[in-house]
Amino acid sequence: MPSWLAVAQSELGVQTHPPGSSNPRITAYHAGTNIAGYDDKASWCSSFIHWCFGQCGVTGTGSALARSWLDWGQALEHPAPGCVVVLWRESPESWKGHVGYYLRDDGQDVVLLGGNQLGAVREHRYPRTTVLAYRWPPGHALP
């Protein structure tokens, strides 16, 4: 298992706080991105991926935008456990997206481990048809 995926798994259960408060752990995820200082009400899927990589010495995109991962690292034709999966939201042409770590295929879905998945770090299924890219960290051998 890639080290960054182990880090992500160690964060399972971290979740946003109710309105009027903020989870300081999620604020820490934002610290290495272009939205440093934001609270847990800002989208944090990309910040979570960036933070996990940072714990392992892997340089991320520096952006809290999910689609910033589209041009990062090495493109993969097929997913590998721990690769970054970039998804579209609303439409493939939109700037909106989601990003998480690939765990497995589940029928017509991919199962990702990520942040801000139903407001928490957790596993969640997404339609394979929404996948834009599978990306692997630069300079790291595939498993």
N, C-alpha and C. Protein backbone atom coordinates (compact mmCIF):
# COMPACT_ATOMS: atom_id res chain seq x y z
N MET A 1 0.84 -1.18 0.00
CA MET A 1 0.00 0.00 0.00
C MET A 1 0.89 1.25 0.00
N PRO A 2 0.59 2.19 -0.89
CA PRO A 2 1.37 3.43 -0.90
C PRO A 2 1.27 4.14 0.45
N SER A 3 2.35 4.79 0.85
CA SER A 3 2.40 5.45 2.16
C SER A 3 1.31 6.51 2.31
N TRP A 4 1.00 7.25 1.24
CA TRP A 4 0.00 8.30 1.32
C TRP A 4 -1.40 7.72 1.53
N LEU A 5 -1.63 6.52 1.02
CA LEU A 5 -2.93 5.88 1.24
C LEU A 5 -3.07 5.44 2.70
N ALA A 6 -1.96 4.99 3.30
CA ALA A 6 -1.97 4.65 4.73
C ALA A 6 -2.25 5.89 5.57
N VAL A 7 -1.67 7.02 5.19
CA VAL A 7 -1.93 8.28 5.89
C VAL A 7 -3.41 8.63 5.77
N ALA A 8 -3.96 8.52 4.57
CA ALA A 8 -5.38 8.83 4.35
C ALA A 8 -6.27 7.93 5.22
N GLN A 9 -5.93 6.65 5.29
CA GLN A 9 -6.73 5.73 6.09
C GLN A 9 -6.68 6.08 7.58
N SER A 10 -5.55 6.61 8.02
CA SER A 10 -5.42 6.99 9.43
C SER A 10 -6.32 8.18 9.78
N GLU A 11 -6.82 8.88 8.78
CA GLU A 11 -7.68 10.04 8.99
C GLU A 11 -9.17 9.70 8.89
N LEU A 12 -9.51 8.43 8.66
CA LEU A 12 -10.91 8.04 8.54
C LEU A 12 -11.73 8.57 9.72
N GLY A 13 -12.88 9.14 9.41
CA GLY A 13 -13.76 9.65 10.45
C GLY A 13 -13.65 11.14 10.72
N VAL A 14 -12.59 11.79 10.23
CA VAL A 14 -12.50 13.25 10.38
C VAL A 14 -13.67 13.84 9.61
N GLN A 15 -14.40 14.76 10.25
CA GLN A 15 -15.58 15.31 9.59
C GLN A 15 -15.78 16.78 9.93
N THR A 16 -16.58 17.43 9.11
CA THR A 16 -16.88 18.83 9.35
C THR A 16 -17.68 18.98 10.64
N HIS A 17 -17.50 20.13 11.28
CA HIS A 17 -18.26 20.47 12.48
C HIS A 17 -19.55 21.18 12.08
N PRO A 18 -20.51 21.24 12.97
CA PRO A 18 -21.77 21.96 12.67
C PRO A 18 -21.51 23.45 12.44
N PRO A 19 -22.47 24.14 11.83
CA PRO A 19 -22.33 25.59 11.64
C PRO A 19 -22.01 26.28 12.96
N GLY A 20 -21.14 27.27 12.87
CA GLY A 20 -20.74 28.02 14.06
C GLY A 20 -19.42 27.55 14.64
N SER A 21 -18.92 26.42 14.15
CA SER A 21 -17.62 25.92 14.59
C SER A 21 -16.92 25.29 13.39
N SER A 22 -15.64 24.98 13.56
CA SER A 22 -14.87 24.39 12.46
C SER A 22 -13.92 23.35 13.02
N ASN A 23 -13.73 22.29 12.29
CA ASN A 23 -12.79 21.25 12.70
C ASN A 23 -11.37 21.73 12.39
N PRO A 24 -10.54 21.90 13.41
CA PRO A 24 -9.17 22.39 13.17
C PRO A 24 -8.34 21.44 12.31
N ARG A 25 -8.67 20.17 12.30
CA ARG A 25 -7.93 19.22 11.46
C ARG A 25 -8.14 19.56 9.99
N ILE A 26 -9.35 19.92 9.62
CA ILE A 26 -9.64 20.26 8.22
C ILE A 26 -8.97 21.59 7.85
N THR A 27 -8.94 22.52 8.79
CA THR A 27 -8.21 23.78 8.57
C THR A 27 -6.73 23.46 8.29
N ALA A 28 -6.20 22.46 9.00
CA ALA A 28 -4.80 22.05 8.77
C ALA A 28 -4.62 21.46 7.37
N TYR A 29 -5.63 20.76 6.86
CA TYR A 29 -5.54 20.23 5.48
C TYR A 29 -5.36 21.37 4.49
N HIS A 30 -6.06 22.48 4.72
CA HIS A 30 -5.99 23.64 3.81
C HIS A 30 -4.64 24.35 3.85
N ALA A 31 -3.87 24.16 4.92
CA ALA A 31 -2.67 24.96 5.16
C ALA A 31 -1.66 24.94 4.00
N GLY A 32 -1.54 23.84 3.30
CA GLY A 32 -0.56 23.77 2.21
C GLY A 32 -1.11 24.16 0.86
N THR A 33 -2.32 24.71 0.82
CA THR A 33 -2.95 25.04 -0.45
C THR A 33 -3.17 26.55 -0.58
N ASN A 34 -3.77 26.93 -1.68
CA ASN A 34 -4.05 28.35 -1.93
C ASN A 34 -5.24 28.87 -1.12
N ILE A 35 -5.82 28.05 -0.25
CA ILE A 35 -6.88 28.54 0.63
C ILE A 35 -6.49 28.34 2.11
N ALA A 36 -5.21 28.43 2.39
CA ALA A 36 -4.72 28.33 3.77
C ALA A 36 -5.51 29.29 4.66
N GLY A 37 -5.92 28.80 5.83
CA GLY A 37 -6.66 29.63 6.77
C GLY A 37 -8.16 29.48 6.66
N TYR A 38 -8.65 28.87 5.59
CA TYR A 38 -10.09 28.66 5.45
C TYR A 38 -10.55 27.59 6.45
N ASP A 39 -11.84 27.62 6.78
CA ASP A 39 -12.38 26.65 7.73
C ASP A 39 -12.93 25.43 7.00
N ASP A 40 -13.63 24.58 7.75
CA ASP A 40 -14.12 23.33 7.16
C ASP A 40 -15.37 23.51 6.31
N LYS A 41 -15.83 24.74 6.13
CA LYS A 41 -17.00 24.98 5.27
C LYS A 41 -16.59 25.14 3.81
N ALA A 42 -15.29 25.35 3.55
CA ALA A 42 -14.78 25.41 2.17
C ALA A 42 -14.57 23.98 1.69
N SER A 43 -14.75 23.75 0.41
CA SER A 43 -14.52 22.41 -0.15
C SER A 43 -13.10 21.96 0.19
N TRP A 44 -12.97 20.73 0.64
CA TRP A 44 -11.66 20.30 1.15
C TRP A 44 -11.15 18.98 0.60
N CYS A 45 -11.75 18.45 -0.46
CA CYS A 45 -11.26 17.18 -1.02
C CYS A 45 -9.83 17.30 -1.53
N SER A 46 -9.52 18.36 -2.26
CA SER A 46 -8.18 18.54 -2.81
C SER A 46 -7.18 18.85 -1.69
N SER A 47 -7.59 19.65 -0.72
CA SER A 47 -6.72 19.97 0.41
C SER A 47 -6.34 18.70 1.17
N PHE A 48 -7.29 17.78 1.31
CA PHE A 48 -7.02 16.51 1.99
C PHE A 48 -5.98 15.69 1.23
N ILE A 49 -6.13 15.57 -0.08
CA ILE A 49 -5.17 14.82 -0.90
C ILE A 49 -3.80 15.47 -0.79
N HIS A 50 -3.76 16.79 -0.89
CA HIS A 50 -2.51 17.54 -0.80
C HIS A 50 -1.83 17.29 0.54
N TRP A 51 -2.61 17.33 1.63
CA TRP A 51 -2.07 17.13 2.98
C TRP A 51 -1.50 15.72 3.14
N CYS A 52 -2.25 14.71 2.68
CA CYS A 52 -1.77 13.31 2.79
C CYS A 52 -0.45 13.13 2.07
N PHE A 53 -0.36 13.65 0.84
CA PHE A 53 0.89 13.56 0.11
C PHE A 53 2.01 14.28 0.85
N GLY A 54 1.71 15.44 1.40
CA GLY A 54 2.71 16.21 2.11
C GLY A 54 3.30 15.47 3.31
N GLN A 55 2.50 14.64 3.96
CA GLN A 55 2.99 13.85 5.09
C GLN A 55 4.03 12.83 4.64
N CYS A 56 4.05 12.54 3.35
CA CYS A 56 4.96 11.53 2.79
C CYS A 56 6.04 12.14 1.91
N GLY A 57 6.14 13.47 1.91
CA GLY A 57 7.16 14.13 1.12
C GLY A 57 6.87 14.25 -0.35
N VAL A 58 5.60 14.02 -0.74
CA VAL A 58 5.21 14.14 -2.15
C VAL A 58 4.63 15.54 -2.36
N THR A 59 5.09 16.23 -3.36
CA THR A 59 4.61 17.57 -3.66
C THR A 59 3.30 17.48 -4.44
N GLY A 60 2.28 18.18 -3.94
CA GLY A 60 0.98 18.21 -4.60
C GLY A 60 0.89 19.37 -5.56
N THR A 61 -0.33 19.79 -5.83
CA THR A 61 -0.56 20.88 -6.78
C THR A 61 -0.52 22.26 -6.13
N GLY A 62 -0.71 22.30 -4.81
CA GLY A 62 -0.77 23.58 -4.12
C GLY A 62 -2.13 24.25 -4.23
N SER A 63 -3.06 23.59 -4.91
CA SER A 63 -4.38 24.17 -5.15
C SER A 63 -5.47 23.38 -4.44
N ALA A 64 -6.49 24.10 -4.00
CA ALA A 64 -7.65 23.45 -3.40
C ALA A 64 -8.69 23.08 -4.46
N LEU A 65 -8.39 23.35 -5.71
CA LEU A 65 -9.30 23.01 -6.80
C LEU A 65 -9.10 21.55 -7.21
N ALA A 66 -10.16 20.76 -7.16
CA ALA A 66 -10.05 19.33 -7.47
C ALA A 66 -9.44 19.08 -8.86
N ARG A 67 -9.85 19.87 -9.82
CA ARG A 67 -9.36 19.63 -11.19
C ARG A 67 -7.89 20.04 -11.38
N SER A 68 -7.28 20.65 -10.37
CA SER A 68 -5.86 20.99 -10.48
C SER A 68 -5.00 19.73 -10.59
N TRP A 69 -5.54 18.59 -10.19
CA TRP A 69 -4.81 17.32 -10.25
C TRP A 69 -4.80 16.72 -11.66
N LEU A 70 -5.56 17.29 -12.58
CA LEU A 70 -5.64 16.73 -13.94
C LEU A 70 -4.30 16.72 -14.66
N ASP A 71 -3.45 17.70 -14.39
CA ASP A 71 -2.16 17.81 -15.09
C ASP A 71 -0.98 17.45 -14.20
N TRP A 72 -1.26 16.94 -13.01
CA TRP A 72 -0.22 16.63 -12.03
C TRP A 72 0.27 15.19 -12.23
N GLY A 73 1.54 14.97 -12.01
CA GLY A 73 2.08 13.61 -12.01
C GLY A 73 1.99 12.92 -13.36
N GLN A 74 1.86 11.61 -13.28
CA GLN A 74 1.84 10.76 -14.47
C GLN A 74 0.43 10.26 -14.72
N ALA A 75 -0.01 10.35 -15.97
CA ALA A 75 -1.33 9.82 -16.34
C ALA A 75 -1.28 8.30 -16.37
N LEU A 76 -2.34 7.69 -15.87
CA LEU A 76 -2.46 6.23 -15.91
C LEU A 76 -3.62 5.85 -16.81
N GLU A 77 -3.41 4.81 -17.60
CA GLU A 77 -4.49 4.32 -18.44
C GLU A 77 -5.52 3.56 -17.60
N HIS A 78 -5.02 2.83 -16.61
CA HIS A 78 -5.88 2.06 -15.72
C HIS A 78 -5.54 2.43 -14.28
N PRO A 79 -6.53 2.41 -13.40
CA PRO A 79 -6.27 2.81 -12.02
C PRO A 79 -5.40 1.81 -11.26
N ALA A 80 -4.66 2.33 -10.30
CA ALA A 80 -3.85 1.52 -9.38
C ALA A 80 -4.21 1.96 -7.97
N PRO A 81 -4.21 1.04 -7.01
CA PRO A 81 -4.54 1.42 -5.64
C PRO A 81 -3.67 2.60 -5.16
N GLY A 82 -4.35 3.64 -4.67
CA GLY A 82 -3.66 4.82 -4.18
C GLY A 82 -3.48 5.91 -5.22
N CYS A 83 -3.84 5.65 -6.47
CA CYS A 83 -3.71 6.72 -7.46
C CYS A 83 -4.77 7.78 -7.20
N VAL A 84 -4.52 8.97 -7.69
CA VAL A 84 -5.46 10.07 -7.58
C VAL A 84 -6.49 9.93 -8.70
N VAL A 85 -7.75 10.01 -8.32
CA VAL A 85 -8.84 9.95 -9.30
C VAL A 85 -9.50 11.32 -9.32
N VAL A 86 -9.58 11.91 -10.52
CA VAL A 86 -10.23 13.20 -10.69
C VAL A 86 -11.58 12.97 -11.36
N LEU A 87 -12.62 13.51 -10.74
CA LEU A 87 -13.99 13.35 -11.23
C LEU A 87 -14.57 14.70 -11.63
N TRP A 88 -15.54 14.66 -12.54
CA TRP A 88 -16.27 15.89 -12.85
C TRP A 88 -17.55 15.93 -12.02
N ARG A 89 -17.99 17.16 -11.73
CA ARG A 89 -19.28 17.40 -11.09
C ARG A 89 -20.08 18.33 -11.97
N GLU A 90 -21.36 18.14 -12.03
CA GLU A 90 -22.32 18.91 -12.82
C GLU A 90 -22.20 18.60 -14.30
N SER A 91 -21.03 18.78 -14.88
CA SER A 91 -20.81 18.40 -16.28
C SER A 91 -19.31 18.24 -16.51
N PRO A 92 -18.93 17.47 -17.53
CA PRO A 92 -17.50 17.30 -17.81
C PRO A 92 -16.80 18.61 -18.16
N GLU A 93 -17.54 19.59 -18.65
CA GLU A 93 -16.95 20.87 -19.06
C GLU A 93 -16.87 21.87 -17.90
N SER A 94 -17.55 21.60 -16.81
CA SER A 94 -17.55 22.51 -15.66
C SER A 94 -16.17 22.59 -15.03
N TRP A 95 -15.92 23.63 -14.25
CA TRP A 95 -14.66 23.73 -13.50
C TRP A 95 -14.75 22.91 -12.22
N LYS A 96 -15.96 22.48 -11.88
CA LYS A 96 -16.18 21.76 -10.62
C LYS A 96 -15.78 20.30 -10.73
N GLY A 97 -15.29 19.76 -9.63
CA GLY A 97 -14.89 18.36 -9.63
C GLY A 97 -14.77 17.81 -8.23
N HIS A 98 -14.21 16.64 -8.15
CA HIS A 98 -13.93 15.97 -6.89
C HIS A 98 -12.66 15.15 -7.11
N VAL A 99 -11.94 14.90 -6.02
CA VAL A 99 -10.70 14.13 -6.12
C VAL A 99 -10.59 13.23 -4.89
N GLY A 100 -10.08 12.03 -5.12
CA GLY A 100 -9.88 11.08 -4.03
C GLY A 100 -8.87 10.02 -4.45
N TYR A 101 -8.55 9.14 -3.51
CA TYR A 101 -7.63 8.03 -3.78
C TYR A 101 -8.40 6.79 -4.19
N TYR A 102 -7.94 6.17 -5.25
CA TYR A 102 -8.58 4.95 -5.76
C TYR A 102 -8.35 3.78 -4.80
N LEU A 103 -9.43 3.08 -4.48
CA LEU A 103 -9.34 1.85 -3.70
C LEU A 103 -9.66 0.62 -4.54
N ARG A 104 -10.79 0.68 -5.26
CA ARG A 104 -11.22 -0.48 -6.05
C ARG A 104 -12.38 -0.10 -6.96
N ASP A 105 -12.65 -0.99 -7.92
CA ASP A 105 -13.86 -0.90 -8.74
C ASP A 105 -14.95 -1.67 -8.03
N ASP A 106 -16.17 -1.21 -8.20
CA ASP A 106 -17.32 -1.89 -7.61
C ASP A 106 -18.45 -1.84 -8.63
N GLY A 107 -18.41 -2.78 -9.57
CA GLY A 107 -19.41 -2.76 -10.64
C GLY A 107 -19.19 -1.57 -11.56
N GLN A 108 -20.20 -0.72 -11.64
CA GLN A 108 -20.13 0.46 -12.50
C GLN A 108 -19.51 1.66 -11.79
N ASP A 109 -19.07 1.45 -10.56
CA ASP A 109 -18.53 2.54 -9.75
C ASP A 109 -17.05 2.33 -9.43
N VAL A 110 -16.40 3.45 -9.07
CA VAL A 110 -15.09 3.39 -8.45
C VAL A 110 -15.30 3.73 -6.98
N VAL A 111 -14.54 3.09 -6.12
CA VAL A 111 -14.62 3.38 -4.69
C VAL A 111 -13.37 4.16 -4.33
N LEU A 112 -13.59 5.36 -3.78
CA LEU A 112 -12.49 6.25 -3.43
C LEU A 112 -12.44 6.45 -1.92
N LEU A 113 -11.23 6.67 -1.43
CA LEU A 113 -11.01 7.14 -0.07
C LEU A 113 -10.61 8.59 -0.22
N GLY A 114 -11.38 9.47 0.42
CA GLY A 114 -11.08 10.88 0.27
C GLY A 114 -11.69 11.72 1.35
N GLY A 115 -11.38 13.00 1.30
CA GLY A 115 -11.94 13.97 2.21
C GLY A 115 -13.14 14.65 1.60
N ASN A 116 -14.00 15.16 2.45
CA ASN A 116 -15.22 15.84 2.03
C ASN A 116 -16.11 14.93 1.19
N GLN A 117 -16.13 13.68 1.55
CA GLN A 117 -17.04 12.72 0.93
C GLN A 117 -18.19 12.54 1.92
N LEU A 118 -19.32 13.18 1.60
CA LEU A 118 -20.45 13.29 2.52
C LEU A 118 -20.00 13.94 3.84
N GLY A 119 -19.11 14.93 3.72
CA GLY A 119 -18.68 15.72 4.86
C GLY A 119 -17.64 15.08 5.75
N ALA A 120 -17.04 13.98 5.30
CA ALA A 120 -16.08 13.28 6.15
C ALA A 120 -14.98 12.63 5.32
N VAL A 121 -13.92 12.20 6.00
CA VAL A 121 -12.93 11.32 5.38
C VAL A 121 -13.52 9.92 5.46
N ARG A 122 -13.81 9.36 4.30
CA ARG A 122 -14.46 8.06 4.25
C ARG A 122 -14.34 7.45 2.86
N GLU A 123 -14.73 6.20 2.74
CA GLU A 123 -14.88 5.57 1.44
C GLU A 123 -16.23 5.96 0.86
N HIS A 124 -16.25 6.13 -0.46
CA HIS A 124 -17.52 6.44 -1.12
C HIS A 124 -17.44 5.98 -2.58
N ARG A 125 -18.58 5.61 -3.13
CA ARG A 125 -18.67 5.15 -4.53
C ARG A 125 -19.05 6.33 -5.44
N TYR A 126 -18.44 6.32 -6.64
CA TYR A 126 -18.76 7.32 -7.66
C TYR A 126 -18.89 6.59 -8.99
N PRO A 127 -19.81 7.02 -9.85
CA PRO A 127 -19.94 6.38 -11.17
C PRO A 127 -18.63 6.48 -11.97
N ARG A 128 -18.22 5.37 -12.54
CA ARG A 128 -17.00 5.36 -13.34
C ARG A 128 -17.12 6.34 -14.51
N THR A 129 -18.34 6.62 -14.94
CA THR A 129 -18.54 7.55 -16.06
C THR A 129 -18.17 8.98 -15.71
N THR A 130 -17.97 9.30 -14.43
CA THR A 130 -17.58 10.67 -14.04
C THR A 130 -16.06 10.83 -13.89
N VAL A 131 -15.31 9.76 -14.13
CA VAL A 131 -13.86 9.83 -14.00
C VAL A 131 -13.26 10.61 -15.18
N LEU A 132 -12.45 11.61 -14.86
CA LEU A 132 -11.72 12.37 -15.87
C LEU A 132 -10.30 11.85 -16.04
N ALA A 133 -9.68 11.41 -14.94
CA ALA A 133 -8.28 10.99 -15.03
C ALA A 133 -7.89 10.17 -13.81
N TYR A 134 -6.89 9.32 -14.05
CA TYR A 134 -6.18 8.62 -12.98
C TYR A 134 -4.75 9.14 -13.04
N ARG A 135 -4.21 9.60 -11.89
CA ARG A 135 -2.89 10.21 -11.88
C ARG A 135 -2.03 9.55 -10.79
N TRP A 136 -0.73 9.47 -11.07
CA TRP A 136 0.23 8.85 -10.15
C TRP A 136 1.32 9.85 -9.82
N PRO A 137 1.81 9.87 -8.56
CA PRO A 137 2.82 10.85 -8.18
C PRO A 137 4.09 10.78 -9.02
N PRO A 138 4.61 11.94 -9.39
CA PRO A 138 5.82 11.97 -10.19
C PRO A 138 7.00 11.35 -9.41
N GLY A 139 7.80 10.56 -10.10
CA GLY A 139 8.99 9.98 -9.50
C GLY A 139 8.75 8.78 -8.59
N HIS A 140 7.53 8.29 -8.55
CA HIS A 140 7.20 7.13 -7.72
C HIS A 140 6.84 5.95 -8.60
N ALA A 141 7.43 4.79 -8.30
CA ALA A 141 7.16 3.59 -9.08
C ALA A 141 5.75 3.11 -8.81
N LEU A 142 5.12 2.60 -9.84
CA LEU A 142 3.79 2.00 -9.67
C LEU A 142 3.91 0.72 -8.85
N PRO A 143 2.87 0.41 -8.09
CA PRO A 143 2.92 -0.82 -7.27
C PRO A 143 2.93 -2.08 -8.13
